[in-house]
PDB file of N, CA and C in Angstrom:
ATOM      1  N   MET A   1       0.619  -1.585  -0.374  1.00  0.00           N
ATOM      2  CA  MET A   1       0.275   0.241  -0.189  1.00  0.00           C
ATOM      3  C   MET A   1       0.678   1.305  -0.184  1.00  0.00           C
ATOM      4  N   ALA A   2       0.679   2.039  -0.898  1.00  0.00           N
ATOM      5  CA  ALA A   2       1.267   3.580  -0.912  1.00  0.00           C
ATOM      6  C   ALA A   2       0.977   4.395   0.247  1.00  0.00           C
ATOM      7  N   ASP A   3       1.613   4.882   0.494  1.00  0.00           N
ATOM      8  CA  ASP A   3       1.913   6.080   1.780  1.00  0.00           C
ATOM      9  C   ASP A   3       0.507   7.350   1.845  1.00  0.00           C
ATOM     10  N   SER A   4       0.040   7.387   2.687  1.00  0.00           N
ATOM     11  CA  SER A   4      -1.082   8.046   2.313  1.00  0.00           C
ATOM     12  C   SER A   4      -1.227   9.297   2.970  1.00  0.00           C
ATOM     13  N   TYR A   5      -1.867  10.357   3.144  1.00  0.00           N
ATOM     14  CA  TYR A   5      -1.928  11.567   4.240  1.00  0.00           C
ATOM     15  C   TYR A   5      -3.416  12.473   4.160  1.00  0.00           C
ATOM     16  N   LEU A   6      -3.707  13.301   5.219  1.00  0.00           N
ATOM     17  CA  LEU A   6      -4.703  13.525   5.147  1.00  0.00           C
ATOM     18  C   LEU A   6      -5.229  15.101   4.264  1.00  0.00           C
ATOM     19  N   LEU A   7      -6.047  15.105   3.320  1.00  0.00           N
ATOM     20  CA  LEU A   7      -6.403  16.291   3.059  1.00  0.00           C
ATOM     21  C   LEU A   7      -7.689  16.352   2.946  1.00  0.00           C
ATOM     22  N   SER A   8      -7.607  17.671   3.063  1.00  0.00           N
ATOM     23  CA  SER A   8      -8.727  18.822   3.730  1.00  0.00           C
ATOM     24  C   SER A   8      -9.045  19.886   2.613  1.00  0.00           C
ATOM     25  N   ILE A   9     -10.444  20.148   2.086  1.00  0.00           N
ATOM     26  CA  ILE A   9     -10.476  21.171   1.215  1.00  0.00           C
ATOM     27  C   ILE A   9     -11.202  21.793   1.848  1.00  0.00           C
ATOM     28  N   VAL A  10     -11.247  23.529   1.880  1.00  0.00           N
ATOM     29  CA  VAL A  10     -12.462  24.119   2.624  1.00  0.00           C
ATOM     30  C   VAL A  10     -12.370  25.392   1.743  1.00  0.00           C
ATOM     31  N   THR A  11     -13.669  25.914   1.731  1.00  0.00           N
ATOM     32  CA  THR A  11     -14.272  26.924   1.394  1.00  0.00           C
ATOM     33  C   THR A  11     -14.716  27.932   2.193  1.00  0.00           C
ATOM     34  N   PRO A  12     -15.074  29.004   1.950  1.00  0.00           N
ATOM     35  CA  PRO A  12     -16.181  29.957   2.757  1.00  0.00           C
ATOM     36  C   PRO A  12     -17.209  29.684   3.445  1.00  0.00           C
ATOM     37  N   GLU A  13     -17.654  28.349   2.599  1.00  0.00           N
ATOM     38  CA  GLU A  13     -18.927  27.892   2.832  1.00  0.00           C
ATOM     39  C   GLU A  13     -18.545  26.691   3.807  1.00  0.00           C
ATOM     40  N   GLY A  14     -17.788  26.308   4.269  1.00  0.00           N
ATOM     41  CA  GLY A  14     -17.009  24.750   4.759  1.00  0.00           C
ATOM     42  C   GLY A  14     -16.254  23.876   4.043  1.00  0.00           C
ATOM     43  N   GLU A  15     -16.223  22.692   4.884  1.00  0.00           N
ATOM     44  CA  GLU A  15     -15.512  21.654   4.673  1.00  0.00           C
ATOM     45  C   GLU A  15     -15.985  20.858   3.192  1.00  0.00           C
ATOM     46  N   ILE A  16     -15.492  20.597   2.062  1.00  0.00           N
ATOM     47  CA  ILE A  16     -16.462  19.975   1.167  1.00  0.00           C
ATOM     48  C   ILE A  16     -15.260  18.400   1.288  1.00  0.00           C
ATOM     49  N   PHE A  17     -14.068  18.108   1.736  1.00  0.00           N
ATOM     50  CA  PHE A  17     -13.479  16.707   1.153  1.00  0.00           C
ATOM     51  C   PHE A  17     -12.634  16.997   2.548  1.00  0.00           C
ATOM     52  N   HIS A  18     -12.505  15.534   3.031  1.00  0.00           N
ATOM     53  CA  HIS A  18     -11.641  15.454   4.011  1.00  0.00           C
ATOM     54  C   HIS A  18     -11.438  13.720   4.058  1.00  0.00           C
ATOM     55  N   GLU A  19     -10.766  13.178   3.697  1.00  0.00           N
ATOM     56  CA  GLU A  19      -9.892  11.801   3.515  1.00  0.00           C
ATOM     57  C   GLU A  19      -8.068  11.765   3.189  1.00  0.00           C
ATOM     58  N   GLU A  20      -7.873  10.581   3.182  1.00  0.00           N
ATOM     59  CA  GLU A  20      -6.727  10.067   3.120  1.00  0.00           C
ATOM     60  C   GLU A  20      -6.505  10.112   2.009  1.00  0.00           C
ATOM     61  N   VAL A  21      -5.872  10.998   1.453  1.00  0.00           N
ATOM     62  CA  VAL A  21      -5.023  10.738  -0.391  1.00  0.00           C
ATOM     63  C   VAL A  21      -3.417   9.797  -0.518  1.00  0.00           C
ATOM     64  N   LEU A  22      -3.594   9.870  -1.714  1.00  0.00           N
ATOM     65  CA  LEU A  22      -2.146   9.560  -1.970  1.00  0.00           C
ATOM     66  C   LEU A  22      -1.405  10.364  -3.250  1.00  0.00           C
ATOM     67  N   SER A  23      -2.334  11.727  -3.613  1.00  0.00           N
ATOM     68  CA  SER A  23      -1.121  12.374  -4.036  1.00  0.00           C
ATOM     69  C   SER A  23      -2.632  13.904  -4.068  1.00  0.00           C
ATOM     70  N   LEU A  24      -1.844  14.723  -4.851  1.00  0.00           N
ATOM     71  CA  LEU A  24      -3.071  16.051  -5.081  1.00  0.00           C
ATOM     72  C   LEU A  24      -1.787  16.650  -6.195  1.00  0.00           C
ATOM     73  N   MET A  25      -2.891  16.761  -7.140  1.00  0.00           N
ATOM     74  CA  MET A  25      -2.098  17.971  -8.347  1.00  0.00           C
ATOM     75  C   MET A  25      -2.878  19.073  -8.524  1.00  0.00           C
ATOM     76  N   ALA A  26      -2.401  20.321  -7.877  1.00  0.00           N
ATOM     77  CA  ALA A  26      -2.977  21.353  -7.933  1.00  0.00           C
ATOM     78  C   ALA A  26      -2.877  22.771  -8.596  1.00  0.00           C
ATOM     79  N   PRO A  27      -3.578  23.812  -9.508  1.00  0.00           N
ATOM     80  CA  PRO A  27      -3.220  24.789 -10.126  1.00  0.00           C
ATOM     81  C   PRO A  27      -2.546  25.601  -9.351  1.00  0.00           C
ATOM     82  N   GLY A  28      -1.081  25.988  -9.582  1.00  0.00           N
ATOM     83  CA  GLY A  28      -0.762  26.959  -8.340  1.00  0.00           C
ATOM     84  C   GLY A  28      -0.234  28.515  -9.563  1.00  0.00           C
ATOM     85  N   SER A  29      -0.423  29.872  -8.412  1.00  0.00           N
ATOM     86  CA  SER A  29      -0.472  30.854  -9.193  1.00  0.00           C
ATOM     87  C   SER A  29       0.762  30.780 -10.384  1.00  0.00           C
ATOM     88  N   ASP A  30       2.021  30.052 -10.460  1.00  0.00           N
ATOM     89  CA  ASP A  30       3.046  30.066 -11.461  1.00  0.00           C
ATOM     90  C   ASP A  30       2.960  28.692 -12.320  1.00  0.00           C
ATOM     91  N   GLY A  31       1.931  27.847 -12.042  1.00  0.00           N
ATOM     92  CA  GLY A  31       1.904  26.612 -12.603  1.00  0.00           C
ATOM     93  C   GLY A  31       1.444  25.697 -11.775  1.00  0.00           C
ATOM     94  N   TYR A  32       1.144  24.166 -12.119  1.00  0.00           N
ATOM     95  CA  TYR A  32       1.110  23.346 -11.693  1.00  0.00           C
ATOM     96  C   TYR A  32       1.987  22.406 -10.812  1.00  0.00           C
ATOM     97  N   PHE A  33       1.320  21.967  -9.183  1.00  0.00           N
ATOM     98  CA  PHE A  33       2.344  21.389  -8.880  1.00  0.00           C
ATOM     99  C   PHE A  33       1.437  20.012  -7.705  1.00  0.00           C
ATOM    100  N   GLY A  34       2.360  19.556  -7.840  1.00  0.00           N
ATOM    101  CA  GLY A  34       2.002  18.077  -6.869  1.00  0.00           C
ATOM    102  C   GLY A  34       2.130  17.794  -5.441  1.00  0.00           C
ATOM    103  N   VAL A  35       1.851  17.373  -4.814  1.00  0.00           N
ATOM    104  CA  VAL A  35       1.905  16.862  -3.513  1.00  0.00           C
ATOM    105  C   VAL A  35       1.421  15.150  -3.163  1.00  0.00           C
ATOM    106  N   MET A  36       2.633  14.405  -2.916  1.00  0.00           N
ATOM    107  CA  MET A  36       2.310  13.087  -2.313  1.00  0.00           C
ATOM    108  C   MET A  36       2.904  12.942  -0.415  1.00  0.00           C
ATOM    109  N   ALA A  37       2.708  12.198  -0.096  1.00  0.00           N
ATOM    110  CA  ALA A  37       3.067  11.963   0.937  1.00  0.00           C
ATOM    111  C   ALA A  37       4.834  12.259   1.628  1.00  0.00           C
ATOM    112  N   HIS A  38       4.826  12.666   2.266  1.00  0.00           N
ATOM    113  CA  HIS A  38       6.183  13.110   2.946  1.00  0.00           C
ATOM    114  C   HIS A  38       6.531  14.336   2.300  1.00  0.00           C
ATOM    115  N   HIS A  39       5.915  15.295   1.629  1.00  0.00           N
ATOM    116  CA  HIS A  39       6.218  16.535   1.095  1.00  0.00           C
ATOM    117  C   HIS A  39       6.685  17.333   2.238  1.00  0.00           C
ATOM    118  N   ALA A  40       8.214  18.058   1.677  1.00  0.00           N
ATOM    119  CA  ALA A  40       8.254  19.427   2.434  1.00  0.00           C
ATOM    120  C   ALA A  40       7.315  20.100   3.029  1.00  0.00           C
ATOM    121  N   PRO A  41       7.163  20.530   3.839  1.00  0.00           N
ATOM    122  CA  PRO A  41       6.234  21.560   4.367  1.00  0.00           C
ATOM    123  C   PRO A  41       6.397  23.157   3.416  1.00  0.00           C
ATOM    124  N   MET A  42       5.288  23.062   2.680  1.00  0.00           N
ATOM    125  CA  MET A  42       5.165  24.478   2.643  1.00  0.00           C
ATOM    126  C   MET A  42       3.595  25.364   1.988  1.00  0.00           C
ATOM    127  N   LEU A  43       3.683  26.637   1.758  1.00  0.00           N
ATOM    128  CA  LEU A  43       2.538  27.312   1.296  1.00  0.00           C
ATOM    129  C   LEU A  43       2.717  27.498  -0.100  1.00  0.00           C
ATOM    130  N   ALA A  44       1.268  27.486  -0.634  1.00  0.00           N
ATOM    131  CA  ALA A  44       1.613  28.121  -2.296  1.00  0.00           C
ATOM    132  C   ALA A  44       0.192  28.772  -2.049  1.00  0.00           C
ATOM    133  N   ALA A  45       0.253  29.338  -3.512  1.00  0.00           N
ATOM    134  CA  ALA A  45      -0.685  30.330  -3.976  1.00  0.00           C
ATOM    135  C   ALA A  45      -1.857  29.351  -4.804  1.00  0.00           C
ATOM    136  N   LEU A  46      -2.902  29.548  -4.851  1.00  0.00           N
ATOM    137  CA  LEU A  46      -3.875  28.593  -6.250  1.00  0.00           C
ATOM    138  C   LEU A  46      -4.144  29.361  -7.163  1.00  0.00           C
ATOM    139  N   GLY A  47      -3.981  29.165  -7.965  1.00  0.00           N
ATOM    140  CA  GLY A  47      -4.869  30.094  -9.124  1.00  0.00           C
ATOM    141  C   GLY A  47      -6.049  29.707  -9.466  1.00  0.00           C
ATOM    142  N   ARG A  48      -6.430  29.373 -11.253  1.00  0.00           N
ATOM    143  CA  ARG A  48      -7.495  29.276 -11.022  1.00  0.00           C
ATOM    144  C   ARG A  48      -7.218  28.065 -11.936  1.00  0.00           C
ATOM    145  N   GLY A  49      -7.928  26.489 -12.096  1.00  0.00           N
ATOM    146  CA  GLY A  49      -7.803  25.443 -12.902  1.00  0.00           C
ATOM    147  C   GLY A  49      -8.358  24.196 -12.399  1.00  0.00           C
ATOM    148  N   VAL A  50      -8.038  22.956 -12.733  1.00  0.00           N
ATOM    149  CA  VAL A  50      -8.338  21.895 -12.240  1.00  0.00           C
ATOM    150  C   VAL A  50      -7.378  21.064 -10.937  1.00  0.00           C
ATOM    151  N   MET A  51      -8.273  20.614 -10.236  1.00  0.00           N
ATOM    152  CA  MET A  51      -7.175  19.853  -8.964  1.00  0.00           C
ATOM    153  C   MET A  51      -7.805  18.496  -9.148  1.00  0.00           C
ATOM    154  N   LYS A  52      -7.118  17.311  -8.640  1.00  0.00           N
ATOM    155  CA  LYS A  52      -6.518  16.416  -9.398  1.00  0.00           C
ATOM    156  C   LYS A  52      -6.249  14.981  -7.705  1.00  0.00           C
ATOM    157  N   VAL A  53      -7.143  14.687  -6.986  1.00  0.00           N
ATOM    158  CA  VAL A  53      -6.913  14.190  -6.289  1.00  0.00           C
ATOM    159  C   VAL A  53      -7.142  13.039  -6.293  1.00  0.00           C
ATOM    160  N   ARG A  54      -6.143  11.993  -6.101  1.00  0.00           N
ATOM    161  CA  ARG A  54      -6.256  10.523  -6.120  1.00  0.00           C
ATOM    162  C   ARG A  54      -6.048   9.831  -4.490  1.00  0.00           C
ATOM    163  N   GLY A  55      -6.842   9.043  -4.377  1.00  0.00           N
ATOM    164  CA  GLY A  55      -7.307   8.333  -3.005  1.00  0.00           C
ATOM    165  C   GLY A  55      -6.513   6.969  -3.712  1.00  0.00           C
ATOM    166  N   GLN A  56      -7.473   6.445  -2.665  1.00  0.00           N
ATOM    167  CA  GLN A  56      -6.830   4.349  -2.983  1.00  0.00           C
ATOM    168  C   GLN A  56      -8.299   4.051  -3.702  1.00  0.00           C
ATOM    169  N   GLY A  57      -7.781   3.982  -5.195  1.00  0.00           N
ATOM    170  CA  GLY A  57      -8.076   3.096  -5.917  1.00  0.00           C
ATOM    171  C   GLY A  57      -9.289   4.090  -6.480  1.00  0.00           C
ATOM    172  N   GLU A  58      -9.933   5.571  -6.228  1.00  0.00           N
ATOM    173  CA  GLU A  58     -10.459   6.132  -7.121  1.00  0.00           C
ATOM    174  C   GLU A  58      -9.621   7.966  -7.336  1.00  0.00           C
ATOM    175  N   THR A  59     -10.073   8.553  -8.382  1.00  0.00           N
ATOM    176  CA  THR A  59      -9.880   9.704  -8.303  1.00  0.00           C
ATOM    177  C   THR A  59     -11.009  11.019  -8.210  1.00  0.00           C
ATOM    178  N   SER A  60     -10.815  11.821  -7.174  1.00  0.00           N
ATOM    179  CA  SER A  60     -12.109  12.910  -7.544  1.00  0.00           C
ATOM    180  C   SER A  60     -11.268  14.191  -8.457  1.00  0.00           C
ATOM    181  N   TRP A  61     -11.890  14.821  -8.817  1.00  0.00           N
ATOM    182  CA  TRP A  61     -11.780  16.250  -9.519  1.00  0.00           C
ATOM    183  C   TRP A  61     -12.496  17.539  -9.156  1.00  0.00           C
ATOM    184  N   PHE A  62     -11.614  18.654  -9.011  1.00  0.00           N
ATOM    185  CA  PHE A  62     -12.492  19.863  -8.721  1.00  0.00           C
ATOM    186  C   PHE A  62     -11.951  21.170  -9.296  1.00  0.00           C
ATOM    187  N   ALA A  63     -13.016  21.883  -9.403  1.00  0.00           N
ATOM    188  CA  ALA A  63     -12.516  23.502 -10.467  1.00  0.00           C
ATOM    189  C   ALA A  63     -12.473  24.326  -9.203  1.00  0.00           C
ATOM    190  N   VAL A  64     -11.307  25.322  -9.035  1.00  0.00           N
ATOM    191  CA  VAL A  64     -10.682  25.734  -7.955  1.00  0.00           C
ATOM    192  C   VAL A  64     -10.342  26.924  -8.630  1.00  0.00           C
ATOM    193  N   GLU A  65     -10.615  28.274  -8.001  1.00  0.00           N
ATOM    194  CA  GLU A  65      -9.991  29.702  -8.250  1.00  0.00           C
ATOM    195  C   GLU A  65      -9.691  30.010  -6.669  1.00  0.00           C
ATOM    196  N   GLY A  66      -8.503  30.764  -7.267  1.00  0.00           N
ATOM    197  CA  GLY A  66      -7.579  31.625  -5.865  1.00  0.00           C
ATOM    198  C   GLY A  66      -7.600  30.536  -4.588  1.00  0.00           C
ATOM    199  N   GLY A  67      -6.836  31.142  -3.378  1.00  0.00           N
ATOM    200  CA  GLY A  67      -6.734  30.481  -2.177  1.00  0.00           C
ATOM    201  C   GLY A  67      -5.549  30.015  -2.383  1.00  0.00           C
ATOM    202  N   ILE A  68      -5.198  28.965  -1.003  1.00  0.00           N
ATOM    203  CA  ILE A  68      -3.792  28.709  -0.642  1.00  0.00           C
ATOM    204  C   ILE A  68      -3.781  27.486  -0.428  1.00  0.00           C
ATOM    205  N   VAL A  69      -2.516  26.432  -0.744  1.00  0.00           N
ATOM    206  CA  VAL A  69      -2.537  25.450  -0.253  1.00  0.00           C
ATOM    207  C   VAL A  69      -1.362  25.057   0.715  1.00  0.00           C
ATOM    208  N   GLU A  70      -2.023  24.488   1.938  1.00  0.00           N
ATOM    209  CA  GLU A  70      -0.842  24.574   3.200  1.00  0.00           C
ATOM    210  C   GLU A  70      -0.064  22.926   3.279  1.00  0.00           C
ATOM    211  N   VAL A  71       0.959  22.732   3.350  1.00  0.00           N
ATOM    212  CA  VAL A  71       1.461  21.294   3.664  1.00  0.00           C
ATOM    213  C   VAL A  71       2.123  21.298   4.729  1.00  0.00           C
ATOM    214  N   SER A  72       1.514  20.291   5.308  1.00  0.00           N
ATOM    215  CA  SER A  72       2.599  20.404   7.150  1.00  0.00           C
ATOM    216  C   SER A  72       2.919  19.024   7.045  1.00  0.00           C
ATOM    217  N   PRO A  73       3.578  18.525   7.990  1.00  0.00           N
ATOM    218  CA  PRO A  73       3.682  16.782   8.456  1.00  0.00           C
ATOM    219  C   PRO A  73       2.330  16.468   8.892  1.00  0.00           C
ATOM    220  N   THR A  74       1.609  17.137   9.148  1.00  0.00           N
ATOM    221  CA  THR A  74      -0.048  16.678   9.485  1.00  0.00           C
ATOM    222  C   THR A  74      -0.670  16.048   8.774  1.00  0.00           C
ATOM    223  N   GLY A  75      -0.266  16.988   7.532  1.00  0.00           N
ATOM    224  CA  GLY A  75      -1.596  16.712   6.198  1.00  0.00           C
ATOM    225  C   GLY A  75      -1.547  17.880   5.528  1.00  0.00           C
ATOM    226  N   VAL A  76      -2.327  18.257   4.354  1.00  0.00           N
ATOM    227  CA  VAL A  76      -2.799  19.063   3.640  1.00  0.00           C
ATOM    228  C   VAL A  76      -4.028  19.966   3.865  1.00  0.00           C
ATOM    229  N   VAL A  77      -4.103  20.882   3.603  1.00  0.00           N
ATOM    230  CA  VAL A  77      -5.064  21.767   3.584  1.00  0.00           C
ATOM    231  C   VAL A  77      -5.183  22.919   2.564  1.00  0.00           C
ATOM    232  N   VAL A  78      -6.351  22.697   1.853  1.00  0.00           N
ATOM    233  CA  VAL A  78      -6.645  23.725   0.484  1.00  0.00           C
ATOM    234  C   VAL A  78      -7.525  24.509   0.613  1.00  0.00           C
ATOM    235  N   LEU A  79      -7.619  25.977   1.340  1.00  0.00           N
ATOM    236  CA  LEU A  79      -8.405  26.835   1.657  1.00  0.00           C
ATOM    237  C   LEU A  79      -8.471  27.503   0.531  1.00  0.00           C
ATOM    238  N   ALA A  80      -9.860  27.102  -0.587  1.00  0.00           N
ATOM    239  CA  ALA A  80     -10.015  27.735  -2.144  1.00  0.00           C
ATOM    240  C   ALA A  80     -11.191  28.707  -2.095  1.00  0.00           C
ATOM    241  N   ASP A  81     -10.804  29.791  -2.489  1.00  0.00           N
ATOM    242  CA  ASP A  81     -11.906  30.739  -2.233  1.00  0.00           C
ATOM    243  C   ASP A  81     -13.585  30.704  -3.150  1.00  0.00           C
ATOM    244  N   LEU A  82     -12.972  29.973  -4.426  1.00  0.00           N
ATOM    245  CA  LEU A  82     -14.354  28.927  -5.234  1.00  0.00           C
ATOM    246  C   LEU A  82     -13.558  27.308  -5.122  1.00  0.00           C
ATOM    247  N   CYS A  83     -14.412  27.023  -5.051  1.00  0.00           N
ATOM    248  CA  CYS A  83     -14.464  25.547  -5.637  1.00  0.00           C
ATOM    249  C   CYS A  83     -15.514  24.240  -5.642  1.00  0.00           C
ATOM    250  N   SER A  84     -15.791  23.614  -6.781  1.00  0.00           N
ATOM    251  CA  SER A  84     -16.587  23.333  -7.119  1.00  0.00           C
ATOM    252  C   SER A  84     -16.143  21.586  -7.532  1.00  0.00           C
ATOM    253  N   GLU A  85     -16.356  20.292  -6.946  1.00  0.00           N
ATOM    254  CA  GLU A  85     -16.216  19.008  -7.519  1.00  0.00           C
ATOM    255  C   GLU A  85     -16.962  18.544  -8.801  1.00  0.00           C
ATOM    256  N   ALA A  86     -16.122  17.817  -9.412  1.00  0.00           N
ATOM    257  CA  ALA A  86     -16.532  17.632 -10.746  1.00  0.00           C
ATOM    258  C   ALA A  86     -16.986  15.630 -10.762  1.00  0.00           C
ATOM    259  N   ASP A  87     -17.568  15.176 -12.078  1.00  0.00           N
ATOM    260  CA  ASP A  87     -17.336  13.670 -11.717  1.00  0.00           C
ATOM    261  C   ASP A  87     -16.621  13.345 -12.598  1.00  0.00           C
ATOM    262  N   THR A  88     -15.783  13.975 -14.019  1.00  0.00           N
ATOM    263  CA  THR A  88     -14.964  13.843 -14.448  1.00  0.00           C
ATOM    264  C   THR A  88     -14.156  15.153 -14.403  1.00  0.00           C
ATOM    265  N   GLU A  89     -12.750  14.613 -14.949  1.00  0.00           N
ATOM    266  CA  GLU A  89     -11.708  15.975 -15.290  1.00  0.00           C
ATOM    267  C   GLU A  89     -12.255  16.642 -16.523  1.00  0.00           C
ATOM    268  N   ALA A  90     -12.761  16.716 -18.262  1.00  0.00           N
ATOM    269  CA  ALA A  90     -13.809  17.657 -19.018  1.00  0.00           C
ATOM    270  C   ALA A  90     -14.329  18.065 -18.239  1.00  0.00           C
ATOM    271  N   GLU A  91     -15.200  17.607 -17.017  1.00  0.00           N
ATOM    272  CA  GLU A  91     -15.949  18.702 -16.451  1.00  0.00           C
ATOM    273  C   GLU A  91     -15.751  19.717 -15.379  1.00  0.00           C
ATOM    274  N   ALA A  92     -14.482  19.134 -14.930  1.00  0.00           N
ATOM    275  CA  ALA A  92     -14.025  20.020 -14.150  1.00  0.00           C
ATOM    276  C   ALA A  92     -12.996  21.376 -15.129  1.00  0.00           C
ATOM    277  N   ARG A  93     -12.576  20.800 -16.155  1.00  0.00           N
ATOM    278  CA  ARG A  93     -12.022  21.702 -16.975  1.00  0.00           C
ATOM    279  C   ARG A  93     -13.139  22.827 -17.165  1.00  0.00           C
ATOM    280  N   GLU A  94     -14.059  22.002 -17.988  1.00  0.00           N
ATOM    281  CA  GLU A  94     -15.140  23.373 -18.586  1.00  0.00           C
ATOM    282  C   GLU A  94     -15.198  24.211 -17.308  1.00  0.00           C
ATOM    283  N   LEU A  95     -15.489  23.396 -16.080  1.00  0.00           N
ATOM    284  CA  LEU A  95     -16.284  24.247 -14.762  1.00  0.00           C
ATOM    285  C   LEU A  95     -15.031  26.000 -14.996  1.00  0.00           C
ATOM    286  N   ALA A  96     -14.367  25.235 -14.875  1.00  0.00           N
ATOM    287  CA  ALA A  96     -12.836  26.271 -14.796  1.00  0.00           C
ATOM    288  C   ALA A  96     -12.706  26.775 -15.789  1.00  0.00           C
ATOM    289  N   SER A  97     -12.625  26.561 -16.821  1.00  0.00           N
ATOM    290  CA  SER A  97     -12.259  27.842 -17.646  1.00  0.00           C
ATOM    291  C   SER A  97     -13.675  28.903 -18.155  1.00  0.00           C
ATOM    292  N   ALA A  98     -14.628  28.147 -18.172  1.00  0.00           N
ATOM    293  CA  ALA A  98     -15.500  28.859 -17.871  1.00  0.00           C
ATOM    294  C   ALA A  98     -16.200  29.998 -16.709  1.00  0.00           C
ATOM    295  N   SER A  99     -14.977  29.847 -15.726  1.00  0.00           N
ATOM    296  CA  SER A  99     -15.182  30.459 -14.313  1.00  0.00           C
ATOM    297  C   SER A  99     -16.805  30.618 -13.868  1.00  0.00           C
ATOM    298  N   ARG A 100     -17.187  29.053 -14.012  1.00  0.00           N
ATOM    299  CA  ARG A 100     -18.601  29.478 -13.491  1.00  0.00           C
ATOM    300  C   ARG A 100     -18.439  28.553 -12.271  1.00  0.00           C
ATOM    301  N   LEU A 101     -17.521  28.544 -11.885  1.00  0.00           N
ATOM    302  CA  LEU A 101     -17.773  27.665  -9.983  1.00  0.00           C
ATOM    303  C   LEU A 101     -18.518  28.593  -9.699  1.00  0.00           C
ATOM    304  N   GLN A 102     -19.306  27.509  -8.560  1.00  0.00           N
ATOM    305  CA  GLN A 102     -20.703  27.645  -7.473  1.00  0.00           C
ATOM    306  C   GLN A 102     -19.892  28.310  -6.369  1.00  0.00           C
ATOM    307  N   HIS A 103     -20.456  28.621  -5.793  1.00  0.00           N
ATOM    308  CA  HIS A 103     -20.295  29.633  -4.549  1.00  0.00           C
ATOM    309  C   HIS A 103     -21.019  28.215  -3.175  1.00  0.00           C
ATOM    310  N   GLU A 104     -21.120  27.582  -3.372  1.00  0.00           N
ATOM    311  CA  GLU A 104     -21.835  26.442  -2.621  1.00  0.00           C
ATOM    312  C   GLU A 104     -21.145  25.266  -2.863  1.00  0.00           C
ATOM    313  N   PRO A 105     -20.792  24.607  -1.729  1.00  0.00           N
ATOM    314  CA  PRO A 105     -19.931  23.096  -1.575  1.00  0.00           C
ATOM    315  C   PRO A 105     -20.337  22.328  -2.681  1.00  0.00           C
ATOM    316  N   GLY A 106     -19.386  21.393  -3.195  1.00  0.00           N
ATOM    317  CA  GLY A 106     -19.619  20.515  -4.303  1.00  0.00           C
ATOM    318  C   GLY A 106     -20.123  20.588  -5.410  1.00  0.00           C
TER     319      GLY A 106
END
């Protein structure tokens, strides 16, 4: 089994995701970046784009716009200004590119 870490995604409306994951790929303000278990602590600004979360056997997709990502020894917290969960990568890309992100969780 691969190493995992706790990921929490929070918007101004509340927490929309809280699970053990294997990796996160997120749109930073200067390009995409990835986070796996045992990543060095960091803070990064979020841009607009698609966030890919790989869990044990499943992948979740989110369209995000603005916020920060904090990586610490206890896990990763995404504080997103706007975030919508999508069923597919294509749907997440469409939401992000059209800037149609919802102000409500999910």
